[in-house]
């Protein structure tokens, strides 16, 4: 175990934020859960740790809502894995959530005294 302090685990993130990050990750193409978690962690420079206990419920929720589709395949280490892919509805939802996120972070930045430039 390393002594480096990571940021909040996905379980500590707002549910909608994890959903948005998963959808954003799938823009690059179909992926299985382990890869999705790795991409989020790597892209955030290891600031966000995605735990299975948060990720898989999020993937099932997104699938139930028609925002991702899933099919079984074989992973890079030759194991059976469920691969998730963004749907057209998922792309629309990601665009809307990204816009909402940017408005919210701008508003919070204004309150914290950050410049809007």
C-alpha atoms as a PDB file:
ATOM      1  CA  UNK A   1       0.000   0.000   0.000  1.00  0.00           C
ATOM      2  CA  UNK A   2       1.450   3.373  -0.966  1.00  0.00           C
ATOM      3  CA  UNK A   3       1.576   6.347   1.333  1.00  0.00           C
ATOM      4  CA  UNK A   4       0.275   8.679  -1.370  1.00  0.00           C
ATOM      5  CA  UNK A   5      -3.082  10.205  -0.506  1.00  0.00           C
ATOM      6  CA  UNK A   6      -5.665   9.783  -3.229  1.00  0.00           C
ATOM      7  CA  UNK A   7      -8.682  11.969  -3.712  1.00  0.00           C
ATOM      8  CA  UNK A   8     -12.238  10.899  -2.962  1.00  0.00           C
ATOM      9  CA  UNK A   9     -13.313   7.395  -3.855  1.00  0.00           C
ATOM     10  CA  UNK A  10     -16.172   7.165  -6.320  1.00  0.00           C
ATOM     11  CA  UNK A  11     -18.489   6.266  -3.433  1.00  0.00           C
ATOM     12  CA  UNK A  12     -17.843   9.721  -2.032  1.00  0.00           C
ATOM     13  CA  UNK A  13     -18.611  11.394  -5.370  1.00  0.00           C
ATOM     14  CA  UNK A  14     -22.091  12.479  -6.211  1.00  0.00           C
ATOM     15  CA  UNK A  15     -23.908   9.674  -8.016  1.00  0.00           C
ATOM     16  CA  UNK A  16     -24.529  11.801 -11.103  1.00  0.00           C
ATOM     17  CA  UNK A  17     -20.858  12.724 -11.286  1.00  0.00           C
ATOM     18  CA  UNK A  18     -19.755   9.087 -11.473  1.00  0.00           C
ATOM     19  CA  UNK A  19     -22.397   8.432 -14.134  1.00  0.00           C
ATOM     20  CA  UNK A  20     -21.083  11.391 -16.172  1.00  0.00           C
ATOM     21  CA  UNK A  21     -17.471  10.174 -15.846  1.00  0.00           C
ATOM     22  CA  UNK A  22     -18.453   6.668 -16.977  1.00  0.00           C
ATOM     23  CA  UNK A  23     -20.340   8.052 -19.982  1.00  0.00           C
ATOM     24  CA  UNK A  24     -17.371  10.277 -20.867  1.00  0.00           C
ATOM     25  CA  UNK A  25     -15.001   7.315 -20.672  1.00  0.00           C
ATOM     26  CA  UNK A  26     -17.177   5.332 -23.086  1.00  0.00           C
ATOM     27  CA  UNK A  27     -16.940   8.068 -25.748  1.00  0.00           C
ATOM     28  CA  UNK A  28     -13.648   6.393 -26.711  1.00  0.00           C
ATOM     29  CA  UNK A  29     -15.413   3.088 -27.415  1.00  0.00           C
ATOM     30  CA  UNK A  30     -16.719  -0.026 -25.698  1.00  0.00           C
ATOM     31  CA  UNK A  31     -14.943  -1.082 -22.505  1.00  0.00           C
ATOM     32  CA  UNK A  32     -15.402  -3.432 -19.572  1.00  0.00           C
ATOM     33  CA  UNK A  33     -15.662  -2.255 -15.974  1.00  0.00           C
ATOM     34  CA  UNK A  34     -12.022  -2.723 -14.999  1.00  0.00           C
ATOM     35  CA  UNK A  35     -10.863  -0.655 -17.979  1.00  0.00           C
ATOM     36  CA  UNK A  36     -13.436   2.074 -17.254  1.00  0.00           C
ATOM     37  CA  UNK A  37     -12.156   2.371 -13.681  1.00  0.00           C
ATOM     38  CA  UNK A  38      -8.523   2.450 -14.850  1.00  0.00           C
ATOM     39  CA  UNK A  39      -9.218   5.153 -17.438  1.00  0.00           C
ATOM     40  CA  UNK A  40     -10.994   7.375 -14.902  1.00  0.00           C
ATOM     41  CA  UNK A  41      -8.179   6.917 -12.399  1.00  0.00           C
ATOM     42  CA  UNK A  42      -5.426   7.488 -14.967  1.00  0.00           C
ATOM     43  CA  UNK A  43      -7.130  10.470 -16.634  1.00  0.00           C
ATOM     44  CA  UNK A  44      -7.692  12.125 -13.240  1.00  0.00           C
ATOM     45  CA  UNK A  45      -3.978  11.613 -12.468  1.00  0.00           C
ATOM     46  CA  UNK A  46      -5.053   9.131  -9.773  1.00  0.00           C
ATOM     47  CA  UNK A  47      -7.068  11.787  -7.938  1.00  0.00           C
ATOM     48  CA  UNK A  48     -10.269   9.736  -8.324  1.00  0.00           C
ATOM     49  CA  UNK A  49     -10.398   6.117  -7.229  1.00  0.00           C
ATOM     50  CA  UNK A  50     -13.296   4.118  -8.658  1.00  0.00           C
ATOM     51  CA  UNK A  51     -14.317   1.177  -6.501  1.00  0.00           C
ATOM     52  CA  UNK A  52     -16.204  -1.822  -7.845  1.00  0.00           C
ATOM     53  CA  UNK A  53     -18.935  -1.287  -5.262  1.00  0.00           C
ATOM     54  CA  UNK A  54     -19.729   2.053  -6.900  1.00  0.00           C
ATOM     55  CA  UNK A  55     -18.836   1.340 -10.525  1.00  0.00           C
ATOM     56  CA  UNK A  56     -20.956  -1.728 -11.230  1.00  0.00           C
ATOM     57  CA  UNK A  57     -24.171  -0.299  -9.743  1.00  0.00           C
ATOM     58  CA  UNK A  58     -23.542   2.819 -11.881  1.00  0.00           C
ATOM     59  CA  UNK A  59     -23.073   0.697 -15.019  1.00  0.00           C
ATOM     60  CA  UNK A  60     -26.276  -1.257 -14.288  1.00  0.00           C
ATOM     61  CA  UNK A  61     -28.167   1.985 -13.630  1.00  0.00           C
ATOM     62  CA  UNK A  62     -26.910   3.471 -16.922  1.00  0.00           C
ATOM     63  CA  UNK A  63     -27.857   0.288 -18.761  1.00  0.00           C
ATOM     64  CA  UNK A  64     -31.350   0.272 -17.200  1.00  0.00           C
ATOM     65  CA  UNK A  65     -31.818   3.867 -18.361  1.00  0.00           C
ATOM     66  CA  UNK A  66     -30.761   3.014 -21.924  1.00  0.00           C
ATOM     67  CA  UNK A  67     -27.668   5.241 -21.743  1.00  0.00           C
ATOM     68  CA  UNK A  68     -25.270   2.335 -22.296  1.00  0.00           C
ATOM     69  CA  UNK A  69     -25.684  -1.073 -23.880  1.00  0.00           C
ATOM     70  CA  UNK A  70     -23.777  -4.161 -22.807  1.00  0.00           C
ATOM     71  CA  UNK A  71     -22.658  -7.416 -24.354  1.00  0.00           C
ATOM     72  CA  UNK A  72     -20.389 -10.233 -23.268  1.00  0.00           C
ATOM     73  CA  UNK A  73     -16.950 -10.586 -24.797  1.00  0.00           C
ATOM     74  CA  UNK A  74     -13.378 -11.576 -23.980  1.00  0.00           C
ATOM     75  CA  UNK A  75     -11.059  -9.157 -22.191  1.00  0.00           C
ATOM     76  CA  UNK A  76      -7.408  -8.514 -23.047  1.00  0.00           C
ATOM     77  CA  UNK A  77      -6.380 -11.134 -20.451  1.00  0.00           C
ATOM     78  CA  UNK A  78      -8.632 -13.733 -22.136  1.00  0.00           C
ATOM     79  CA  UNK A  79     -11.406 -13.629 -19.517  1.00  0.00           C
ATOM     80  CA  UNK A  80     -15.122 -13.352 -20.121  1.00  0.00           C
ATOM     81  CA  UNK A  81     -16.204  -9.760 -19.444  1.00  0.00           C
ATOM     82  CA  UNK A  82     -19.208  -7.541 -20.031  1.00  0.00           C
ATOM     83  CA  UNK A  83     -18.392  -4.664 -22.399  1.00  0.00           C
ATOM     84  CA  UNK A  84     -20.358  -1.433 -22.152  1.00  0.00           C
ATOM     85  CA  UNK A  85     -20.971   0.959 -25.026  1.00  0.00           C
ATOM     86  CA  UNK A  86     -22.474   4.433 -25.154  1.00  0.00           C
ATOM     87  CA  UNK A  87     -25.897   4.666 -26.847  1.00  0.00           C
ATOM     88  CA  UNK A  88     -27.286   7.665 -28.741  1.00  0.00           C
ATOM     89  CA  UNK A  89     -29.342   8.525 -25.632  1.00  0.00           C
ATOM     90  CA  UNK A  90     -26.149   8.254 -23.573  1.00  0.00           C
ATOM     91  CA  UNK A  91     -24.371  10.721 -25.882  1.00  0.00           C
ATOM     92  CA  UNK A  92     -27.242  13.208 -25.472  1.00  0.00           C
ATOM     93  CA  UNK A  93     -27.259  12.755 -21.696  1.00  0.00           C
ATOM     94  CA  UNK A  94     -23.474  13.260 -21.552  1.00  0.00           C
ATOM     95  CA  UNK A  95     -23.740  16.511 -23.518  1.00  0.00           C
ATOM     96  CA  UNK A  96     -26.483  17.801 -21.196  1.00  0.00           C
ATOM     97  CA  UNK A  97     -24.657  16.744 -18.019  1.00  0.00           C
ATOM     98  CA  UNK A  98     -21.364  18.223 -19.233  1.00  0.00           C
ATOM     99  CA  UNK A  99     -23.080  21.559 -19.852  1.00  0.00           C
ATOM    100  CA  UNK A 100     -24.753  21.446 -16.436  1.00  0.00           C
ATOM    101  CA  UNK A 101     -21.427  20.533 -14.775  1.00  0.00           C
ATOM    102  CA  UNK A 102     -19.640  23.467 -16.433  1.00  0.00           C
ATOM    103  CA  UNK A 103     -22.366  25.895 -15.333  1.00  0.00           C
ATOM    104  CA  UNK A 104     -22.198  24.566 -11.776  1.00  0.00           C
ATOM    105  CA  UNK A 105     -18.401  24.682 -11.515  1.00  0.00           C
ATOM    106  CA  UNK A 106     -18.394  28.216 -12.950  1.00  0.00           C
ATOM    107  CA  UNK A 107     -20.973  29.312 -10.382  1.00  0.00           C
ATOM    108  CA  UNK A 108     -19.015  27.719  -7.521  1.00  0.00           C
ATOM    109  CA  UNK A 109     -15.830  29.336  -8.831  1.00  0.00           C
ATOM    110  CA  UNK A 110     -17.527  32.728  -8.751  1.00  0.00           C
ATOM    111  CA  UNK A 111     -18.571  32.193  -5.152  1.00  0.00           C
ATOM    112  CA  UNK A 112     -15.012  31.158  -4.238  1.00  0.00           C
ATOM    113  CA  UNK A 113     -13.720  34.367  -5.817  1.00  0.00           C
ATOM    114  CA  UNK A 114     -12.161  32.825  -8.907  1.00  0.00           C
ATOM    115  CA  UNK A 115     -12.145  34.924 -12.035  1.00  0.00           C
ATOM    116  CA  UNK A 116     -14.623  33.960 -14.763  1.00  0.00           C
ATOM    117  CA  UNK A 117     -12.042  34.378 -17.524  1.00  0.00           C
END
